[in-house]
Amino acid sequence: MTGQQVPPAAALRQLANGFMISQAISVAAKLGIADLLAEGPRSCADLAEAAGAHVLGLRRLLRVLASAGVFAEDGAGQFHLTPMAETLRNGVPGSMRAYAITRGEPWIWQAWGELLHGVQTGQVAFEHVFDTGFFSYMADHPEAAAVFDQAMTGRSSQENSAITAAYDFANVTRLVDVGGGEGTLLAAILEAYPTMEGGLFDVPPKAARARERMAARGLEERCACVGGDCFEGVVAGGDTYLLSNVIHDWEDSQAMAILNHCRQAMARSAKLLILETIIPPGNEPFPAKLIDLQMLVLTGGRERTAVEYGELLEASGFRLTRVIPTPTLVSLIEAVPA
């Protein structure tokens, strides 16, 4: 079909079979195939022995992934890393290994299997399957939470430098990162602005891990990591407050509760920064549209347009001042108390 348009039925078939590729990538990530190829090409038999896999089963898996550009097979039957496969290595900058693993985990896979329920009822598919909320499930399943947190850290590490470059933090004295996770973004900003002080606020286990990260990077004297619940309140004392990939996890009333607590903690002169992926108008493909469906499946949250963020902020006592795009998927939404 080179040079010709793919027939509609064939194009639809490719889309409908996308779940097969996501599972194949997840399995390769779990087996650590990319790390096994880090020192150079290896045969499938060699890889299977090292990974504890069936030779023919692994051969079939890698043939599919090679056809998709994830790994490559040469004429001698040895498999190589490709640029995409490099991102599946463990510990490399911006590693996608944990993210790829999550795509095949039961707590995502089974929830997506109930997408029809979510579309028909507007209810969260995850809660329908597991009879609990996504974040409650993570709190009760530390192994799942560890993989999920690694996936989110890997994603955010790709965004941190772009965000730091896109916004001028020079006049910020104390930046409070609400829902800041393990602190990768806040640490990057503090390193870029040596006179700034920071505060991180998240649930106690994440705040504890952030404290360790700050200590490892020599930032413990400049950053207080506090555990708490943003639905009950937010620490005061910042002249700028940051919400990075937080608001999209929640439907409007819950998002407004978080924003209201930030507003109560802020001085009149303070600023609010929201980092989110904004849905653009039109029919062109854009990742936020798929992430929005993921929110319906997992948390009940949603991705929003720039107009919808403006309306949400206005209803929470803020005024949107500007939207700053970055080279990554996320944009910075700046707001001030109204």
C-alpha atoms as a PDB file:
ATOM      1  CA  MET A   1       0.000   0.000   0.000  1.00  0.00           C
ATOM      2  CA  THR A   2       3.059   2.283  -0.266  1.00  0.00           C
ATOM      3  CA  GLY A   3       2.013   5.669  -1.633  1.00  0.00           C
ATOM      4  CA  GLN A   4      -1.655   4.735  -1.490  1.00  0.00           C
ATOM      5  CA  GLN A   5      -4.317   5.627   1.026  1.00  0.00           C
ATOM      6  CA  VAL A   6      -5.153   2.797   3.425  1.00  0.00           C
ATOM      7  CA  PRO A   7      -8.699   1.566   2.765  1.00  0.00           C
ATOM      8  CA  PRO A   8     -11.148   2.587   5.502  1.00  0.00           C
ATOM      9  CA  ALA A   9     -11.770  -0.988   6.631  1.00  0.00           C
ATOM     10  CA  ALA A  10      -8.032  -1.676   6.952  1.00  0.00           C
ATOM     11  CA  ALA A  11      -7.466   1.593   8.819  1.00  0.00           C
ATOM     12  CA  LEU A  12     -10.271   0.796  11.232  1.00  0.00           C
ATOM     13  CA  ARG A  13      -8.904  -2.712  11.734  1.00  0.00           C
ATOM     14  CA  GLN A  14      -5.529  -1.250  12.707  1.00  0.00           C
ATOM     15  CA  LEU A  15      -7.195   1.018  15.262  1.00  0.00           C
ATOM     16  CA  ALA A  16      -9.377  -1.764  16.655  1.00  0.00           C
ATOM     17  CA  ASN A  17      -6.335  -3.989  17.138  1.00  0.00           C
ATOM     18  CA  GLY A  18      -4.387  -1.338  19.041  1.00  0.00           C
ATOM     19  CA  PHE A  19      -4.991  -3.126  22.337  1.00  0.00           C
ATOM     20  CA  MET A  20      -2.853  -6.020  21.093  1.00  0.00           C
ATOM     21  CA  ILE A  21       0.151  -3.761  20.604  1.00  0.00           C
ATOM     22  CA  SER A  22      -0.267  -2.153  24.040  1.00  0.00           C
ATOM     23  CA  GLN A  23      -0.312  -5.585  25.664  1.00  0.00           C
ATOM     24  CA  ALA A  24       2.715  -6.713  23.672  1.00  0.00           C
ATOM     25  CA  ILE A  25       4.695  -3.623  24.717  1.00  0.00           C
ATOM     26  CA  SER A  26       3.657  -4.153  28.330  1.00  0.00           C
ATOM     27  CA  VAL A  27       4.850  -7.766  28.295  1.00  0.00           C
ATOM     28  CA  ALA A  28       8.191  -6.815  26.759  1.00  0.00           C
ATOM     29  CA  ALA A  29       8.595  -4.144  29.432  1.00  0.00           C
ATOM     30  CA  LYS A  30       7.797  -6.580  32.247  1.00  0.00           C
ATOM     31  CA  LEU A  31      10.323  -9.067  30.869  1.00  0.00           C
ATOM     32  CA  GLY A  32      12.981  -6.354  30.696  1.00  0.00           C
ATOM     33  CA  ILE A  33      13.850  -7.121  27.065  1.00  0.00           C
ATOM     34  CA  ALA A  34      15.201  -3.630  26.389  1.00  0.00           C
ATOM     35  CA  ASP A  35      17.633  -3.889  29.302  1.00  0.00           C
ATOM     36  CA  LEU A  36      18.783  -7.291  28.066  1.00  0.00           C
ATOM     37  CA  LEU A  37      19.659  -5.685  24.729  1.00  0.00           C
ATOM     38  CA  ALA A  38      21.490  -2.721  26.238  1.00  0.00           C
ATOM     39  CA  GLU A  39      24.921  -4.243  25.558  1.00  0.00           C
ATOM     40  CA  GLY A  40      24.124  -5.231  21.977  1.00  0.00           C
ATOM     41  CA  PRO A  41      22.047  -7.539  19.746  1.00  0.00           C
ATOM     42  CA  ARG A  42      21.058 -10.995  21.023  1.00  0.00           C
ATOM     43  CA  SER A  43      19.262 -14.010  19.610  1.00  0.00           C
ATOM     44  CA  CYS A  44      15.748 -14.839  20.659  1.00  0.00           C
ATOM     45  CA  ALA A  45      16.947 -18.036  22.319  1.00  0.00           C
ATOM     46  CA  ASP A  46      19.464 -16.068  24.362  1.00  0.00           C
ATOM     47  CA  LEU A  47      16.848 -13.483  25.307  1.00  0.00           C
ATOM     48  CA  ALA A  48      14.314 -16.132  26.258  1.00  0.00           C
ATOM     49  CA  GLU A  49      16.775 -17.850  28.585  1.00  0.00           C
ATOM     50  CA  ALA A  50      17.741 -14.572  30.240  1.00  0.00           C
ATOM     51  CA  ALA A  51      14.134 -13.382  30.596  1.00  0.00           C
ATOM     52  CA  GLY A  52      12.653 -16.697  31.680  1.00  0.00           C
ATOM     53  CA  ALA A  53      10.397 -16.867  28.624  1.00  0.00           C
ATOM     54  CA  HIS A  54       9.372 -19.511  26.085  1.00  0.00           C
ATOM     55  CA  VAL A  55      11.554 -19.196  22.991  1.00  0.00           C
ATOM     56  CA  LEU A  56       8.779 -19.436  20.396  1.00  0.00           C
ATOM     57  CA  GLY A  57       6.411 -17.304  22.446  1.00  0.00           C
ATOM     58  CA  LEU A  58       9.024 -14.564  22.767  1.00  0.00           C
ATOM     59  CA  ARG A  59       9.906 -14.847  19.085  1.00  0.00           C
ATOM     60  CA  ARG A  60       6.293 -14.196  18.131  1.00  0.00           C
ATOM     61  CA  LEU A  61       6.060 -11.270  20.524  1.00  0.00           C
ATOM     62  CA  LEU A  62       9.242  -9.608  19.266  1.00  0.00           C
ATOM     63  CA  ARG A  63       8.304 -10.131  15.619  1.00  0.00           C
ATOM     64  CA  VAL A  64       5.121  -8.122  16.198  1.00  0.00           C
ATOM     65  CA  LEU A  65       6.949  -5.389  18.073  1.00  0.00           C
ATOM     66  CA  ALA A  66       9.687  -5.207  15.438  1.00  0.00           C
ATOM     67  CA  SER A  67       6.995  -4.652  12.813  1.00  0.00           C
ATOM     68  CA  ALA A  68       5.791  -1.680  14.872  1.00  0.00           C
ATOM     69  CA  GLY A  69       9.288  -0.182  15.241  1.00  0.00           C
ATOM     70  CA  VAL A  70       9.767  -1.364  18.811  1.00  0.00           C
ATOM     71  CA  PHE A  71      12.951  -3.485  18.505  1.00  0.00           C
ATOM     72  CA  ALA A  72      14.378  -4.625  15.180  1.00  0.00           C
ATOM     73  CA  GLU A  73      15.427  -8.030  13.850  1.00  0.00           C
ATOM     74  CA  ASP A  74      18.403  -8.418  11.530  1.00  0.00           C
ATOM     75  CA  GLY A  75      19.045 -11.022   8.861  1.00  0.00           C
ATOM     76  CA  ALA A  76      20.872 -13.258  11.340  1.00  0.00           C
ATOM     77  CA  GLY A  77      17.818 -13.472  13.593  1.00  0.00           C
ATOM     78  CA  GLN A  78      19.230 -11.227  16.296  1.00  0.00           C
ATOM     79  CA  PHE A  79      17.175  -8.484  17.899  1.00  0.00           C
ATOM     80  CA  HIS A  80      18.344  -4.909  18.375  1.00  0.00           C
ATOM     81  CA  LEU A  81      17.218  -1.847  20.273  1.00  0.00           C
ATOM     82  CA  THR A  82      15.517   0.922  18.308  1.00  0.00           C
ATOM     83  CA  PRO A  83      14.983   4.518  19.508  1.00  0.00           C
ATOM     84  CA  MET A  84      11.549   3.506  20.813  1.00  0.00           C
ATOM     85  CA  ALA A  85      12.925   0.410  22.512  1.00  0.00           C
ATOM     86  CA  GLU A  86      15.587   2.543  24.227  1.00  0.00           C
ATOM     87  CA  THR A  87      12.795   4.270  26.142  1.00  0.00           C
ATOM     88  CA  LEU A  88      11.782   0.891  27.612  1.00  0.00           C
ATOM     89  CA  ARG A  89      15.112   0.565  29.417  1.00  0.00           C
ATOM     90  CA  ASN A  90      15.041   0.916  33.166  1.00  0.00           C
ATOM     91  CA  GLY A  91      16.611   4.010  34.679  1.00  0.00           C
ATOM     92  CA  VAL A  92      17.317   5.955  31.478  1.00  0.00           C
ATOM     93  CA  PRO A  93      16.197   9.608  31.428  1.00  0.00           C
ATOM     94  CA  GLY A  94      12.506   9.736  30.618  1.00  0.00           C
ATOM     95  CA  SER A  95      12.146   5.960  30.834  1.00  0.00           C
ATOM     96  CA  MET A  96       8.755   4.700  29.657  1.00  0.00           C
ATOM     97  CA  ARG A  97       9.187   1.215  31.107  1.00  0.00           C
ATOM     98  CA  ALA A  98       6.900   1.678  34.114  1.00  0.00           C
ATOM     99  CA  TYR A  99       4.335   3.496  31.969  1.00  0.00           C
ATOM    100  CA  ALA A 100       4.342   0.635  29.456  1.00  0.00           C
ATOM    101  CA  ILE A 101       3.938  -1.919  32.253  1.00  0.00           C
ATOM    102  CA  THR A 102       0.848  -0.118  33.556  1.00  0.00           C
ATOM    103  CA  ARG A 103      -0.853  -0.487  30.179  1.00  0.00           C
ATOM    104  CA  GLY A 104      -1.091  -4.229  30.795  1.00  0.00           C
ATOM    105  CA  GLU A 105      -1.877  -4.223  34.504  1.00  0.00           C
ATOM    106  CA  PRO A 106      -5.266  -5.696  35.560  1.00  0.00           C
ATOM    107  CA  TRP A 107      -6.286  -2.503  37.333  1.00  0.00           C
ATOM    108  CA  ILE A 108      -6.157  -0.629  34.021  1.00  0.00           C
ATOM    109  CA  TRP A 109      -7.030  -3.470  31.673  1.00  0.00           C
ATOM    110  CA  GLN A 110     -10.148  -4.632  33.523  1.00  0.00           C
ATOM    111  CA  ALA A 111     -11.384  -1.083  34.069  1.00  0.00           C
ATOM    112  CA  TRP A 112     -11.108  -0.313  30.357  1.00  0.00           C
ATOM    113  CA  GLY A 113     -13.100  -3.484  29.730  1.00  0.00           C
ATOM    114  CA  GLU A 114     -16.049  -1.693  31.332  1.00  0.00           C
ATOM    115  CA  LEU A 115     -15.827   1.444  29.196  1.00  0.00           C
ATOM    116  CA  LEU A 116     -19.344   0.750  27.917  1.00  0.00           C
ATOM    117  CA  HIS A 117     -20.649   1.010  31.481  1.00  0.00           C
ATOM    118  CA  GLY A 118     -18.947   4.380  31.896  1.00  0.00           C
ATOM    119  CA  VAL A 119     -20.297   5.736  28.618  1.00  0.00           C
ATOM    120  CA  GLN A 120     -23.843   4.525  29.283  1.00  0.00           C
ATOM    121  CA  THR A 121     -24.027   5.706  32.889  1.00  0.00           C
ATOM    122  CA  GLY A 122     -21.365   8.402  33.291  1.00  0.00           C
ATOM    123  CA  GLN A 123     -20.060   6.429  36.262  1.00  0.00           C
ATOM    124  CA  VAL A 124     -16.407   5.537  36.833  1.00  0.00           C
ATOM    125  CA  ALA A 125     -15.648   2.175  35.239  1.00  0.00           C
ATOM    126  CA  PHE A 126     -12.861   1.453  37.735  1.00  0.00           C
ATOM    127  CA  GLU A 127     -15.243   1.755  40.674  1.00  0.00           C
ATOM    128  CA  HIS A 128     -17.743  -0.486  38.892  1.00  0.00           C
ATOM    129  CA  VAL A 129     -15.091  -3.206  38.555  1.00  0.00           C
ATOM    130  CA  PHE A 130     -13.205  -2.931  41.844  1.00  0.00           C
ATOM    131  CA  ASP A 131     -15.892  -1.470  44.122  1.00  0.00           C
ATOM    132  CA  THR A 132     -13.512   1.261  45.299  1.00  0.00           C
ATOM    133  CA  GLY A 133     -11.974   4.456  43.963  1.00  0.00           C
ATOM    134  CA  PHE A 134      -8.730   4.467  42.008  1.00  0.00           C
ATOM    135  CA  PHE A 135      -6.684   6.288  44.642  1.00  0.00           C
ATOM    136  CA  SER A 136      -8.125   4.187  47.468  1.00  0.00           C
ATOM    137  CA  TYR A 137      -7.145   1.091  45.497  1.00  0.00           C
ATOM    138  CA  MET A 138      -3.610   2.412  45.120  1.00  0.00           C
ATOM    139  CA  ALA A 139      -3.392   3.081  48.851  1.00  0.00           C
ATOM    140  CA  ASP A 140      -4.398  -0.541  49.546  1.00  0.00           C
ATOM    141  CA  HIS A 141      -2.128  -2.071  46.865  1.00  0.00           C
ATOM    142  CA  PRO A 142       1.416  -0.730  47.350  1.00  0.00           C
ATOM    143  CA  GLU A 143       2.920  -2.762  44.501  1.00  0.00           C
ATOM    144  CA  ALA A 144       0.434  -1.288  42.027  1.00  0.00           C
ATOM    145  CA  ALA A 145       0.996   2.166  43.503  1.00  0.00           C
ATOM    146  CA  ALA A 146       4.767   1.814  43.090  1.00  0.00           C
ATOM    147  CA  VAL A 147       4.439   1.026  39.377  1.00  0.00           C
ATOM    148  CA  PHE A 148       1.907   3.819  38.892  1.00  0.00           C
ATOM    149  CA  ASP A 149       4.106   6.362  40.689  1.00  0.00           C
ATOM    150  CA  GLN A 150       7.122   5.307  38.624  1.00  0.00           C
ATOM    151  CA  ALA A 151       5.063   5.754  35.463  1.00  0.00           C
ATOM    152  CA  MET A 152       3.976   9.255  36.495  1.00  0.00           C
ATOM    153  CA  THR A 153       7.527  10.180  37.516  1.00  0.00           C
ATOM    154  CA  GLY A 154       8.817   8.991  34.138  1.00  0.00           C
ATOM    155  CA  ARG A 155       6.229  11.073  32.347  1.00  0.00           C
ATOM    156  CA  SER A 156       6.847  14.198  34.408  1.00  0.00           C
ATOM    157  CA  SER A 157      10.623  13.958  34.021  1.00  0.00           C
ATOM    158  CA  GLN A 158      10.140  14.493  30.286  1.00  0.00           C
ATOM    159  CA  GLU A 159       8.190  17.688  30.997  1.00  0.00           C
ATOM    160  CA  ASN A 160      10.238  19.251  33.792  1.00  0.00           C
ATOM    161  CA  SER A 161      12.912  21.054  31.807  1.00  0.00           C
ATOM    162  CA  ALA A 162      10.370  22.371  29.304  1.00  0.00           C
ATOM    163  CA  ILE A 163       8.154  23.720  32.085  1.00  0.00           C
ATOM    164  CA  THR A 164      11.089  25.326  33.880  1.00  0.00           C
ATOM    165  CA  ALA A 165      12.136  27.027  30.652  1.00  0.00           C
ATOM    166  CA  ALA A 166       8.615  28.121  29.678  1.00  0.00           C
ATOM    167  CA  TYR A 167       7.811  30.109  32.825  1.00  0.00           C
ATOM    168  CA  ASP A 168       9.854  32.811  34.536  1.00  0.00           C
ATOM    169  CA  PHE A 169       9.987  31.918  38.241  1.00  0.00           C
ATOM    170  CA  ALA A 170      12.566  34.616  39.013  1.00  0.00           C
ATOM    171  CA  ASN A 171      10.189  36.669  41.183  1.00  0.00           C
ATOM    172  CA  VAL A 172       8.837  33.681  43.113  1.00  0.00           C
ATOM    173  CA  THR A 173      10.003  33.552  46.723  1.00  0.00           C
ATOM    174  CA  ARG A 174       8.248  30.373  47.861  1.00  0.00           C
ATOM    175  CA  LEU A 175       6.607  27.911  45.494  1.00  0.00           C
ATOM    176  CA  VAL A 176       4.114  25.446  47.006  1.00  0.00           C
ATOM    177  CA  ASP A 177       3.521  22.336  44.896  1.00  0.00           C
ATOM    178  CA  VAL A 178       0.108  20.913  45.842  1.00  0.00           C
ATOM    179  CA  GLY A 179      -0.180  17.241  44.936  1.00  0.00           C
ATOM    180  CA  GLY A 180       3.483  17.330  43.976  1.00  0.00           C
ATOM    181  CA  GLY A 181       4.041  13.570  44.195  1.00  0.00           C
ATOM    182  CA  GLU A 182       7.673  12.642  44.682  1.00  0.00           C
ATOM    183  CA  GLY A 183       8.835  16.170  43.943  1.00  0.00           C
ATOM    184  CA  THR A 184      10.588  15.771  40.603  1.00  0.00           C
ATOM    185  CA  LEU A 185       9.172  18.968  39.101  1.00  0.00           C
ATOM    186  CA  LEU A 186       9.625  21.073  42.221  1.00  0.00           C
ATOM    187  CA  ALA A 187      13.201  19.847  42.590  1.00  0.00           C
ATOM    188  CA  ALA A 188      13.966  20.817  38.991  1.00  0.00           C
ATOM    189  CA  ILE A 189      12.549  24.310  39.526  1.00  0.00           C
ATOM    190  CA  LEU A 190      14.441  24.782  42.807  1.00  0.00           C
ATOM    191  CA  GLU A 191      17.687  23.732  41.126  1.00  0.00           C
ATOM    192  CA  ALA A 192      17.079  26.220  38.326  1.00  0.00           C
ATOM    193  CA  TYR A 193      16.306  29.040  40.810  1.00  0.00           C
ATOM    194  CA  PRO A 194      18.815  28.760  43.714  1.00  0.00           C
ATOM    195  CA  THR A 195      17.273  31.543  45.836  1.00  0.00           C
ATOM    196  CA  MET A 196      13.750  30.125  45.782  1.00  0.00           C
ATOM    197  CA  GLU A 197      12.247  28.146  48.643  1.00  0.00           C
ATOM    198  CA  GLY A 198       9.744  25.380  48.087  1.00  0.00           C
ATOM    199  CA  GLY A 199       6.954  23.530  49.804  1.00  0.00           C
ATOM    200  CA  LEU A 200       5.462  20.208  48.719  1.00  0.00           C
ATOM    201  CA  PHE A 201       2.039  19.057  49.887  1.00  0.00           C
ATOM    202  CA  ASP A 202       0.725  15.560  49.163  1.00  0.00           C
ATOM    203  CA  VAL A 203      -0.566  12.472  50.934  1.00  0.00           C
ATOM    204  CA  PRO A 204       1.885  11.364  53.664  1.00  0.00           C
ATOM    205  CA  PRO A 205       3.540   8.431  51.789  1.00  0.00           C
ATOM    206  CA  LYS A 206       4.314  10.613  48.773  1.00  0.00           C
ATOM    207  CA  ALA A 207       5.452  13.513  50.927  1.00  0.00           C
ATOM    208  CA  ALA A 208       7.862  11.144  52.683  1.00  0.00           C
ATOM    209  CA  ARG A 209       9.318   9.976  49.360  1.00  0.00           C
ATOM    210  CA  ALA A 210       9.593  13.587  48.194  1.00  0.00           C
ATOM    211  CA  ARG A 211      11.492  14.420  51.388  1.00  0.00           C
ATOM    212  CA  GLU A 212      13.991  11.672  50.552  1.00  0.00           C
ATOM    213  CA  ARG A 213      14.342  12.964  46.994  1.00  0.00           C
ATOM    214  CA  MET A 214      14.973  16.512  48.169  1.00  0.00           C
ATOM    215  CA  ALA A 215      17.608  15.276  50.618  1.00  0.00           C
ATOM    216  CA  ALA A 216      19.322  13.234  47.896  1.00  0.00           C
ATOM    217  CA  ARG A 217      19.554  16.360  45.732  1.00  0.00           C
ATOM    218  CA  GLY A 218      20.713  18.614  48.559  1.00  0.00           C
ATOM    219  CA  LEU A 219      17.485  20.600  48.675  1.00  0.00           C
ATOM    220  CA  GLU A 220      16.155  19.575  52.085  1.00  0.00           C
ATOM    221  CA  GLU A 221      17.023  22.950  53.656  1.00  0.00           C
ATOM    222  CA  ARG A 222      15.058  24.805  50.982  1.00  0.00           C
ATOM    223  CA  CYS A 223      11.970  22.607  50.742  1.00  0.00           C
ATOM    224  CA  ALA A 224       9.474  21.475  53.399  1.00  0.00           C
ATOM    225  CA  CYS A 225       7.527  18.360  52.374  1.00  0.00           C
ATOM    226  CA  VAL A 226       4.232  18.131  54.269  1.00  0.00           C
ATOM    227  CA  GLY A 227       1.734  15.282  54.263  1.00  0.00           C
ATOM    228  CA  GLY A 228      -1.988  16.013  54.169  1.00  0.00           C
ATOM    229  CA  ASP A 229      -5.246  15.940  52.226  1.00  0.00           C
ATOM    230  CA  CYS A 230      -5.944  18.715  49.726  1.00  0.00           C
ATOM    231  CA  PHE A 231      -9.689  18.146  50.205  1.00  0.00           C
ATOM    232  CA  GLU A 232      -9.276  19.267  53.820  1.00  0.00           C
ATOM    233  CA  GLY A 233      -6.887  22.152  53.352  1.00  0.00           C
ATOM    234  CA  VAL A 234      -3.593  23.316  51.852  1.00  0.00           C
ATOM    235  CA  VAL A 235      -0.485  24.715  53.548  1.00  0.00           C
ATOM    236  CA  ALA A 236      -0.203  28.489  53.581  1.00  0.00           C
ATOM    237  CA  GLY A 237       2.842  30.683  53.030  1.00  0.00           C
ATOM    238  CA  GLY A 238       3.514  30.453  49.300  1.00  0.00           C
ATOM    239  CA  ASP A 239       3.499  33.386  46.926  1.00  0.00           C
ATOM    240  CA  THR A 240       2.913  30.951  44.051  1.00  0.00           C
ATOM    241  CA  TYR A 241       0.923  27.722  44.168  1.00  0.00           C
ATOM    242  CA  LEU A 242       1.391  24.909  41.681  1.00  0.00           C
ATOM    243  CA  LEU A 243      -1.047  22.151  40.689  1.00  0.00           C
ATOM    244  CA  SER A 244       0.639  19.769  38.241  1.00  0.00           C
ATOM    245  CA  ASN A 245      -1.599  17.142  36.626  1.00  0.00           C
ATOM    246  CA  VAL A 246      -3.910  17.280  39.649  1.00  0.00           C
ATOM    247  CA  ILE A 247      -7.127  18.970  38.530  1.00  0.00           C
ATOM    248  CA  HIS A 248      -7.728  16.558  35.644  1.00  0.00           C
ATOM    249  CA  ASP A 249      -8.107  13.684  38.125  1.00  0.00           C
ATOM    250  CA  TRP A 250     -11.377  15.127  39.444  1.00  0.00           C
ATOM    251  CA  GLU A 251     -14.824  16.137  38.272  1.00  0.00           C
ATOM    252  CA  ASP A 252     -15.793  19.800  38.594  1.00  0.00           C
ATOM    253  CA  SER A 253     -17.090  19.890  42.184  1.00  0.00           C
ATOM    254  CA  GLN A 254     -14.014  18.052  43.515  1.00  0.00           C
ATOM    255  CA  ALA A 255     -11.666  20.172  41.397  1.00  0.00           C
ATOM    256  CA  MET A 256     -13.348  23.293  42.769  1.00  0.00           C
ATOM    257  CA  ALA A 257     -12.846  22.032  46.325  1.00  0.00           C
ATOM    258  CA  ILE A 258      -9.090  21.777  45.722  1.00  0.00           C
ATOM    259  CA  LEU A 259      -8.989  25.193  44.064  1.00  0.00           C
ATOM    260  CA  ASN A 260     -11.002  26.738  46.901  1.00  0.00           C
ATOM    261  CA  HIS A 261      -8.528  25.395  49.473  1.00  0.00           C
ATOM    262  CA  CYS A 262      -5.663  26.845  47.448  1.00  0.00           C
ATOM    263  CA  ARG A 263      -7.493  30.173  47.282  1.00  0.00           C
ATOM    264  CA  GLN A 264      -7.981  30.194  51.063  1.00  0.00           C
ATOM    265  CA  ALA A 265      -4.274  29.536  51.632  1.00  0.00           C
ATOM    266  CA  MET A 266      -3.122  32.216  49.205  1.00  0.00           C
ATOM    267  CA  ALA A 267      -2.460  35.876  49.815  1.00  0.00           C
ATOM    268  CA  ARG A 268      -4.239  38.351  47.566  1.00  0.00           C
ATOM    269  CA  SER A 269      -1.001  38.974  45.672  1.00  0.00           C
ATOM    270  CA  ALA A 270      -0.198  35.272  45.102  1.00  0.00           C
ATOM    271  CA  LYS A 271      -0.435  33.421  41.809  1.00  0.00           C
ATOM    272  CA  LEU A 272      -1.725  29.980  40.866  1.00  0.00           C
ATOM    273  CA  LEU A 273      -0.142  27.809  38.181  1.00  0.00           C
ATOM    274  CA  ILE A 274      -1.989  24.803  36.796  1.00  0.00           C
ATOM    275  CA  LEU A 275      -0.112  22.374  34.556  1.00  0.00           C
ATOM    276  CA  GLU A 276      -2.460  20.312  32.430  1.00  0.00           C
ATOM    277  CA  THR A 277      -2.964  18.984  28.924  1.00  0.00           C
ATOM    278  CA  ILE A 278      -5.561  21.197  27.265  1.00  0.00           C
ATOM    279  CA  ILE A 279      -7.999  19.805  24.704  1.00  0.00           C
ATOM    280  CA  PRO A 280      -7.816  21.846  21.494  1.00  0.00           C
ATOM    281  CA  PRO A 281     -10.806  22.448  19.219  1.00  0.00           C
ATOM    282  CA  GLY A 282     -11.357  20.488  16.027  1.00  0.00           C
ATOM    283  CA  ASN A 283     -11.135  16.855  14.975  1.00  0.00           C
ATOM    284  CA  GLU A 284      -7.368  16.472  14.788  1.00  0.00           C
ATOM    285  CA  PRO A 285      -5.859  13.700  16.930  1.00  0.00           C
ATOM    286  CA  PHE A 286      -4.504  14.940  20.247  1.00  0.00           C
ATOM    287  CA  PRO A 287      -3.462  12.866  23.269  1.00  0.00           C
ATOM    288  CA  ALA A 288      -5.646  14.841  25.698  1.00  0.00           C
ATOM    289  CA  LYS A 289      -8.748  13.459  24.012  1.00  0.00           C
ATOM    290  CA  LEU A 290      -7.713   9.900  24.810  1.00  0.00           C
ATOM    291  CA  ILE A 291      -6.506  10.869  28.289  1.00  0.00           C
ATOM    292  CA  ASP A 292      -9.949  12.358  28.876  1.00  0.00           C
ATOM    293  CA  LEU A 293     -11.505   8.961  28.189  1.00  0.00           C
ATOM    294  CA  GLN A 294      -8.959   7.419  30.542  1.00  0.00           C
ATOM    295  CA  MET A 295     -10.208   9.759  33.273  1.00  0.00           C
ATOM    296  CA  LEU A 296     -13.762   8.515  32.710  1.00  0.00           C
ATOM    297  CA  VAL A 297     -12.501   4.959  33.096  1.00  0.00           C
ATOM    298  CA  LEU A 298     -10.184   5.417  36.090  1.00  0.00           C
ATOM    299  CA  THR A 299     -10.952   8.408  38.295  1.00  0.00           C
ATOM    300  CA  GLY A 300     -14.073  10.204  37.127  1.00  0.00           C
ATOM    301  CA  GLY A 301     -11.985  13.258  36.291  1.00  0.00           C
ATOM    302  CA  ARG A 302     -11.711  14.907  32.893  1.00  0.00           C
ATOM    303  CA  GLU A 303      -9.456  16.836  30.577  1.00  0.00           C
ATOM    304  CA  ARG A 304     -10.699  20.315  29.711  1.00  0.00           C
ATOM    305  CA  THR A 305     -10.494  23.022  27.083  1.00  0.00           C
ATOM    306  CA  ALA A 306      -8.941  26.386  27.855  1.00  0.00           C
ATOM    307  CA  VAL A 307     -12.436  27.891  28.066  1.00  0.00           C
ATOM    308  CA  GLU A 308     -13.523  25.219  30.547  1.00  0.00           C
ATOM    309  CA  TYR A 309     -10.481  25.889  32.730  1.00  0.00           C
ATOM    310  CA  GLY A 310     -11.349  29.581  32.698  1.00  0.00           C
ATOM    311  CA  GLU A 311     -14.894  28.813  33.822  1.00  0.00           C
ATOM    312  CA  LEU A 312     -13.675  26.422  36.532  1.00  0.00           C
ATOM    313  CA  LEU A 313     -11.233  29.012  37.860  1.00  0.00           C
ATOM    314  CA  GLU A 314     -13.846  31.770  37.844  1.00  0.00           C
ATOM    315  CA  ALA A 315     -16.247  29.570  39.821  1.00  0.00           C
ATOM    316  CA  SER A 316     -13.452  28.987  42.374  1.00  0.00           C
ATOM    317  CA  GLY A 317     -12.580  32.630  42.955  1.00  0.00           C
ATOM    318  CA  PHE A 318      -9.780  33.015  40.410  1.00  0.00           C
ATOM    319  CA  ARG A 319      -9.232  34.905  37.177  1.00  0.00           C
ATOM    320  CA  LEU A 320      -7.321  33.235  34.353  1.00  0.00           C
ATOM    321  CA  THR A 321      -4.558  35.566  33.183  1.00  0.00           C
ATOM    322  CA  ARG A 322      -2.805  33.582  30.486  1.00  0.00           C
ATOM    323  CA  VAL A 323      -2.145  30.136  29.009  1.00  0.00           C
ATOM    324  CA  ILE A 324       1.466  29.319  28.165  1.00  0.00           C
ATOM    325  CA  PRO A 325       2.115  26.353  25.850  1.00  0.00           C
ATOM    326  CA  THR A 326       5.263  24.246  26.232  1.00  0.00           C
ATOM    327  CA  PRO A 327       7.033  21.938  23.767  1.00  0.00           C
ATOM    328  CA  THR A 328       5.448  19.026  25.679  1.00  0.00           C
ATOM    329  CA  LEU A 329       1.777  18.084  25.899  1.00  0.00           C
ATOM    330  CA  VAL A 330       1.135  20.244  28.976  1.00  0.00           C
ATOM    331  CA  SER A 331       0.404  23.961  29.119  1.00  0.00           C
ATOM    332  CA  LEU A 332       0.788  26.338  32.044  1.00  0.00           C
ATOM    333  CA  ILE A 333      -2.429  28.029  33.084  1.00  0.00           C
ATOM    334  CA  GLU A 334      -1.731  31.132  35.178  1.00  0.00           C
ATOM    335  CA  ALA A 335      -4.430  32.583  37.418  1.00  0.00           C
ATOM    336  CA  VAL A 336      -4.749  35.142  40.210  1.00  0.00           C
ATOM    337  CA  PRO A 337      -7.352  35.617  42.955  1.00  0.00           C
ATOM    338  CA  ALA A 338     -10.359  37.442  41.561  1.00  0.00           C
END
